[in-house]
Amino acid sequence: MPEPRLTPLEPAERTAEQRELLTGIWGEDAPNLFSTVARHPALYRTWFPFCMQLLAHSVFPPRERELLIIRTASLCASAYELEHHLKLGAEAGLTDRDLAALTGDASQAWTLREALLVAAADELHTGHTITETTWHALAELLTTEQLVELPMLVGHYTLLAGTLRSLGVPLDTAPGFIH
């Protein structure tokens, strides 16, 4: 990975506002993503609740949420997100074969619902929309809330991939961080 363009804030570098944003959740060891975005405190305050809504309170079951995130992170070549979400995906029930299929290293016989979710992530990545065919099939299987959240979830992780890669956010060294 290239040198960071903006380094994550070390505890000694943080303003009182940045300490407030970061230490209440992680103590001094905030993940690099968060300690980098906190360089813009106003944006962080707005973005963080949205991020946590999608991660911790998704209307998708954890396995499907992680399927969508991992597929998106892989398509966007986001090593940072893959580092974390491959672990979360395994914890959510995705098998090694599932994970390999999501990252393009294997094929998989998905359920119809999973195949449609993967197709939607692929379509959002390539054309920034879910095609009519995929939409109609998903509409038969998903709730209204899931239909709204799906492009927001994929879009958020696309945004994160671009931010992480553009800023050169380094991988975390401490295990167990989520995002």
C-alpha atoms as a PDB file:
ATOM      1  CA  MET A   1       0.000   0.000   0.000  1.00  0.00           C
ATOM      2  CA  PRO A   2       1.350   3.479  -0.806  1.00  0.00           C
ATOM      3  CA  GLU A   3       2.197   5.983   1.908  1.00  0.00           C
ATOM      4  CA  PRO A   4      -0.858   7.634   3.475  1.00  0.00           C
ATOM      5  CA  ARG A   5      -1.792  10.957   1.925  1.00  0.00           C
ATOM      6  CA  LEU A   6      -3.429  11.905   5.217  1.00  0.00           C
ATOM      7  CA  THR A   7      -2.210   9.976   8.214  1.00  0.00           C
ATOM      8  CA  PRO A   8      -4.619   8.802  10.877  1.00  0.00           C
ATOM      9  CA  LEU A   9      -4.621  11.116  13.878  1.00  0.00           C
ATOM     10  CA  GLU A  10      -2.422   9.865  16.677  1.00  0.00           C
ATOM     11  CA  PRO A  11      -3.872  10.422  20.159  1.00  0.00           C
ATOM     12  CA  ALA A  12      -1.393  13.243  20.904  1.00  0.00           C
ATOM     13  CA  GLU A  13      -2.388  15.072  17.685  1.00  0.00           C
ATOM     14  CA  ARG A  14      -6.126  15.158  18.361  1.00  0.00           C
ATOM     15  CA  THR A  15      -7.969  18.303  19.297  1.00  0.00           C
ATOM     16  CA  ALA A  16     -10.425  18.160  22.177  1.00  0.00           C
ATOM     17  CA  GLU A  17     -13.251  17.805  19.635  1.00  0.00           C
ATOM     18  CA  GLN A  18     -11.498  14.968  17.813  1.00  0.00           C
ATOM     19  CA  ARG A  19     -10.786  13.188  21.124  1.00  0.00           C
ATOM     20  CA  GLU A  20     -14.479  13.496  21.987  1.00  0.00           C
ATOM     21  CA  LEU A  21     -15.466  11.979  18.646  1.00  0.00           C
ATOM     22  CA  LEU A  22     -13.043   9.069  18.840  1.00  0.00           C
ATOM     23  CA  THR A  23     -12.203   8.085  22.393  1.00  0.00           C
ATOM     24  CA  GLY A  24     -15.757   7.592  23.625  1.00  0.00           C
ATOM     25  CA  ILE A  25     -16.120   4.688  21.214  1.00  0.00           C
ATOM     26  CA  TRP A  26     -12.638   3.176  20.926  1.00  0.00           C
ATOM     27  CA  GLY A  27     -10.504   4.742  23.623  1.00  0.00           C
ATOM     28  CA  GLU A  28      -7.126   5.848  22.274  1.00  0.00           C
ATOM     29  CA  ASP A  29      -6.962   3.163  19.566  1.00  0.00           C
ATOM     30  CA  ALA A  30      -9.521   4.313  17.005  1.00  0.00           C
ATOM     31  CA  PRO A  31      -9.364   2.447  13.682  1.00  0.00           C
ATOM     32  CA  ASN A  32      -7.439   4.281  10.986  1.00  0.00           C
ATOM     33  CA  LEU A  33     -10.568   4.953   8.930  1.00  0.00           C
ATOM     34  CA  PHE A  34     -12.223   6.826  11.782  1.00  0.00           C
ATOM     35  CA  SER A  35      -9.106   8.607  13.013  1.00  0.00           C
ATOM     36  CA  THR A  36      -8.508   9.865   9.482  1.00  0.00           C
ATOM     37  CA  VAL A  37     -12.088  11.013   8.780  1.00  0.00           C
ATOM     38  CA  ALA A  38     -12.077  12.754  12.179  1.00  0.00           C
ATOM     39  CA  ARG A  39      -9.668  15.270  10.625  1.00  0.00           C
ATOM     40  CA  HIS A  40     -12.955  16.813   9.393  1.00  0.00           C
ATOM     41  CA  PRO A  41     -14.993  16.816  12.616  1.00  0.00           C
ATOM     42  CA  ALA A  42     -18.208  18.274  11.167  1.00  0.00           C
ATOM     43  CA  LEU A  43     -18.290  15.677   8.388  1.00  0.00           C
ATOM     44  CA  TYR A  44     -17.443  12.907  10.850  1.00  0.00           C
ATOM     45  CA  ARG A  45     -20.365  13.884  13.118  1.00  0.00           C
ATOM     46  CA  THR A  46     -22.777  13.578  10.199  1.00  0.00           C
ATOM     47  CA  TRP A  47     -21.262  10.511   8.555  1.00  0.00           C
ATOM     48  CA  PHE A  48     -20.645   8.303  11.597  1.00  0.00           C
ATOM     49  CA  PRO A  49     -24.328   7.708  12.547  1.00  0.00           C
ATOM     50  CA  PHE A  50     -25.122   6.803   8.925  1.00  0.00           C
ATOM     51  CA  CYS A  51     -22.179   4.407   8.853  1.00  0.00           C
ATOM     52  CA  MET A  52     -23.276   2.745  12.090  1.00  0.00           C
ATOM     53  CA  GLN A  53     -26.900   2.527  10.932  1.00  0.00           C
ATOM     54  CA  LEU A  54     -25.820   0.501   7.921  1.00  0.00           C
ATOM     55  CA  LEU A  55     -23.381  -1.640   9.842  1.00  0.00           C
ATOM     56  CA  ALA A  56     -25.027  -2.236  13.197  1.00  0.00           C
ATOM     57  CA  HIS A  57     -28.719  -1.740  12.429  1.00  0.00           C
ATOM     58  CA  SER A  58     -29.089  -2.952   8.856  1.00  0.00           C
ATOM     59  CA  VAL A  59     -32.465  -4.314   7.758  1.00  0.00           C
ATOM     60  CA  PHE A  60     -30.525  -7.137   6.101  1.00  0.00           C
ATOM     61  CA  PRO A  61     -29.470 -10.173   8.108  1.00  0.00           C
ATOM     62  CA  PRO A  62     -25.710 -10.036   8.897  1.00  0.00           C
ATOM     63  CA  ARG A  63     -24.847 -12.682   6.279  1.00  0.00           C
ATOM     64  CA  GLU A  64     -26.557 -10.715   3.491  1.00  0.00           C
ATOM     65  CA  ARG A  65     -25.194  -7.372   4.726  1.00  0.00           C
ATOM     66  CA  GLU A  66     -21.673  -8.794   4.654  1.00  0.00           C
ATOM     67  CA  LEU A  67     -22.267 -10.427   1.263  1.00  0.00           C
ATOM     68  CA  LEU A  68     -23.117  -6.974  -0.153  1.00  0.00           C
ATOM     69  CA  ILE A  69     -20.247  -5.199   1.610  1.00  0.00           C
ATOM     70  CA  ILE A  70     -17.614  -7.777   0.646  1.00  0.00           C
ATOM     71  CA  ARG A  71     -18.749  -7.873  -2.973  1.00  0.00           C
ATOM     72  CA  THR A  72     -18.613  -4.073  -3.136  1.00  0.00           C
ATOM     73  CA  ALA A  73     -15.232  -3.856  -1.392  1.00  0.00           C
ATOM     74  CA  SER A  74     -13.849  -6.455  -3.778  1.00  0.00           C
ATOM     75  CA  LEU A  75     -15.197  -4.704  -6.887  1.00  0.00           C
ATOM     76  CA  CYS A  76     -13.728  -1.423  -5.616  1.00  0.00           C
ATOM     77  CA  ALA A  77     -10.385  -3.063  -4.720  1.00  0.00           C
ATOM     78  CA  SER A  78     -10.650  -1.832  -1.138  1.00  0.00           C
ATOM     79  CA  ALA A  79      -8.056  -3.839   0.771  1.00  0.00           C
ATOM     80  CA  TYR A  80      -8.912  -1.947   3.958  1.00  0.00           C
ATOM     81  CA  GLU A  81     -12.589  -2.915   3.924  1.00  0.00           C
ATOM     82  CA  LEU A  82     -11.835  -6.455   2.789  1.00  0.00           C
ATOM     83  CA  GLU A  83      -9.391  -6.864   5.689  1.00  0.00           C
ATOM     84  CA  HIS A  84     -12.214  -6.264   8.151  1.00  0.00           C
ATOM     85  CA  HIS A  85     -15.277  -7.569   6.376  1.00  0.00           C
ATOM     86  CA  LEU A  86     -13.881 -10.935   5.336  1.00  0.00           C
ATOM     87  CA  LYS A  87     -13.607 -11.640   9.079  1.00  0.00           C
ATOM     88  CA  LEU A  88     -17.079 -10.247   9.757  1.00  0.00           C
ATOM     89  CA  GLY A  89     -18.477 -12.230   6.833  1.00  0.00           C
ATOM     90  CA  ALA A  90     -17.056 -15.463   8.208  1.00  0.00           C
ATOM     91  CA  GLU A  91     -18.536 -14.632  11.619  1.00  0.00           C
ATOM     92  CA  ALA A  92     -21.895 -14.004   9.897  1.00  0.00           C
ATOM     93  CA  GLY A  93     -21.884 -17.461   8.303  1.00  0.00           C
ATOM     94  CA  LEU A  94     -20.231 -16.942   4.927  1.00  0.00           C
ATOM     95  CA  THR A  95     -18.063 -19.955   4.124  1.00  0.00           C
ATOM     96  CA  ASP A  96     -14.542 -19.822   2.696  1.00  0.00           C
ATOM     97  CA  ARG A  97     -16.066 -20.760  -0.682  1.00  0.00           C
ATOM     98  CA  ASP A  98     -18.654 -17.933  -0.357  1.00  0.00           C
ATOM     99  CA  LEU A  99     -15.904 -15.449   0.446  1.00  0.00           C
ATOM    100  CA  ALA A 100     -13.776 -16.662  -2.448  1.00  0.00           C
ATOM    101  CA  ALA A 101     -16.747 -16.301  -4.808  1.00  0.00           C
ATOM    102  CA  LEU A 102     -17.447 -12.773  -3.601  1.00  0.00           C
ATOM    103  CA  THR A 103     -13.863 -11.738  -4.256  1.00  0.00           C
ATOM    104  CA  GLY A 104     -13.752 -13.369  -7.694  1.00  0.00           C
ATOM    105  CA  ASP A 105     -11.558 -16.321  -6.757  1.00  0.00           C
ATOM    106  CA  ALA A 106     -14.216 -19.030  -7.138  1.00  0.00           C
ATOM    107  CA  SER A 107     -17.745 -19.659  -8.318  1.00  0.00           C
ATOM    108  CA  GLN A 108     -20.624 -20.366  -6.004  1.00  0.00           C
ATOM    109  CA  ALA A 109     -24.116 -21.786  -6.231  1.00  0.00           C
ATOM    110  CA  TRP A 110     -25.938 -18.968  -4.439  1.00  0.00           C
ATOM    111  CA  THR A 111     -29.561 -19.114  -3.380  1.00  0.00           C
ATOM    112  CA  LEU A 112     -31.818 -17.083  -5.674  1.00  0.00           C
ATOM    113  CA  ARG A 113     -31.945 -14.237  -3.139  1.00  0.00           C
ATOM    114  CA  GLU A 114     -28.158 -14.202  -2.686  1.00  0.00           C
ATOM    115  CA  ALA A 115     -27.569 -14.349  -6.446  1.00  0.00           C
ATOM    116  CA  LEU A 116     -29.866 -11.341  -6.886  1.00  0.00           C
ATOM    117  CA  LEU A 117     -28.048  -9.411  -4.146  1.00  0.00           C
ATOM    118  CA  VAL A 118     -24.685 -10.134  -5.793  1.00  0.00           C
ATOM    119  CA  ALA A 119     -26.136  -9.103  -9.166  1.00  0.00           C
ATOM    120  CA  ALA A 120     -27.466  -5.866  -7.658  1.00  0.00           C
ATOM    121  CA  ALA A 121     -24.057  -5.043  -6.167  1.00  0.00           C
ATOM    122  CA  ASP A 122     -22.425  -5.762  -9.538  1.00  0.00           C
ATOM    123  CA  GLU A 123     -24.962  -3.612 -11.399  1.00  0.00           C
ATOM    124  CA  LEU A 124     -24.623  -0.733  -8.939  1.00  0.00           C
ATOM    125  CA  HIS A 125     -20.856  -0.911  -9.340  1.00  0.00           C
ATOM    126  CA  THR A 126     -20.844  -0.935 -13.138  1.00  0.00           C
ATOM    127  CA  GLY A 127     -23.866   1.227 -13.999  1.00  0.00           C
ATOM    128  CA  HIS A 128     -24.850   2.923 -10.719  1.00  0.00           C
ATOM    129  CA  THR A 129     -28.335   1.445 -10.966  1.00  0.00           C
ATOM    130  CA  ILE A 130     -30.118  -1.843 -10.454  1.00  0.00           C
ATOM    131  CA  THR A 131     -31.493  -3.076 -13.776  1.00  0.00           C
ATOM    132  CA  GLU A 132     -35.231  -3.528 -14.265  1.00  0.00           C
ATOM    133  CA  THR A 133     -34.944  -7.313 -14.404  1.00  0.00           C
ATOM    134  CA  THR A 134     -32.984  -7.524 -11.156  1.00  0.00           C
ATOM    135  CA  TRP A 135     -35.186  -4.922  -9.464  1.00  0.00           C
ATOM    136  CA  HIS A 136     -38.403  -6.765 -10.254  1.00  0.00           C
ATOM    137  CA  ALA A 137     -36.958 -10.049  -8.993  1.00  0.00           C
ATOM    138  CA  LEU A 138     -35.688  -8.379  -5.804  1.00  0.00           C
ATOM    139  CA  ALA A 139     -39.038  -6.659  -5.265  1.00  0.00           C
ATOM    140  CA  GLU A 140     -40.609 -10.113  -4.987  1.00  0.00           C
ATOM    141  CA  LEU A 141     -38.182 -11.107  -2.206  1.00  0.00           C
ATOM    142  CA  LEU A 142     -37.206  -7.986  -0.261  1.00  0.00           C
ATOM    143  CA  THR A 143     -39.077  -5.618   2.004  1.00  0.00           C
ATOM    144  CA  THR A 144     -39.496  -1.974   1.038  1.00  0.00           C
ATOM    145  CA  GLU A 145     -36.870  -1.035   3.630  1.00  0.00           C
ATOM    146  CA  GLN A 146     -34.427  -3.525   2.127  1.00  0.00           C
ATOM    147  CA  LEU A 147     -35.058  -2.166  -1.376  1.00  0.00           C
ATOM    148  CA  VAL A 148     -34.191   1.327  -0.117  1.00  0.00           C
ATOM    149  CA  GLU A 149     -31.204   0.226   1.932  1.00  0.00           C
ATOM    150  CA  LEU A 150     -29.598  -1.980  -0.718  1.00  0.00           C
ATOM    151  CA  PRO A 151     -28.301   0.823  -2.995  1.00  0.00           C
ATOM    152  CA  MET A 152     -27.497   2.967   0.061  1.00  0.00           C
ATOM    153  CA  LEU A 153     -25.386   0.163   1.570  1.00  0.00           C
ATOM    154  CA  VAL A 154     -23.542  -0.552  -1.671  1.00  0.00           C
ATOM    155  CA  GLY A 155     -23.162   3.176  -2.318  1.00  0.00           C
ATOM    156  CA  HIS A 156     -21.767   3.806   1.150  1.00  0.00           C
ATOM    157  CA  TYR A 157     -19.121   1.128   0.780  1.00  0.00           C
ATOM    158  CA  THR A 158     -18.268   2.427  -2.689  1.00  0.00           C
ATOM    159  CA  LEU A 159     -17.824   5.885  -1.132  1.00  0.00           C
ATOM    160  CA  LEU A 160     -15.665   4.386   1.638  1.00  0.00           C
ATOM    161  CA  ALA A 161     -13.504   2.536  -0.881  1.00  0.00           C
ATOM    162  CA  GLY A 162     -12.854   5.734  -2.806  1.00  0.00           C
ATOM    163  CA  THR A 163     -12.139   7.673   0.371  1.00  0.00           C
ATOM    164  CA  LEU A 164      -9.847   5.015   1.830  1.00  0.00           C
ATOM    165  CA  ARG A 165      -7.905   4.609  -1.393  1.00  0.00           C
ATOM    166  CA  SER A 166      -7.721   8.329  -2.177  1.00  0.00           C
ATOM    167  CA  LEU A 167      -6.513   9.266   1.299  1.00  0.00           C
ATOM    168  CA  GLY A 168      -4.211   6.244   1.461  1.00  0.00           C
ATOM    169  CA  VAL A 169      -5.615   5.072   4.796  1.00  0.00           C
ATOM    170  CA  PRO A 170      -3.313   2.292   6.028  1.00  0.00           C
ATOM    171  CA  LEU A 171      -4.549  -1.062   7.287  1.00  0.00           C
ATOM    172  CA  ASP A 172      -5.077  -1.236  11.026  1.00  0.00           C
ATOM    173  CA  THR A 173      -2.534  -3.058  13.108  1.00  0.00           C
ATOM    174  CA  ALA A 174      -4.832  -3.870  16.041  1.00  0.00           C
ATOM    175  CA  PRO A 175      -7.193  -6.812  15.456  1.00  0.00           C
ATOM    176  CA  GLY A 176     -10.924  -6.643  15.845  1.00  0.00           C
ATOM    177  CA  PHE A 177     -11.829  -3.246  14.448  1.00  0.00           C
ATOM    178  CA  ILE A 178     -15.061  -3.068  12.471  1.00  0.00           C
ATOM    179  CA  HIS A 179     -16.406  -0.702   9.842  1.00  0.00           C
END
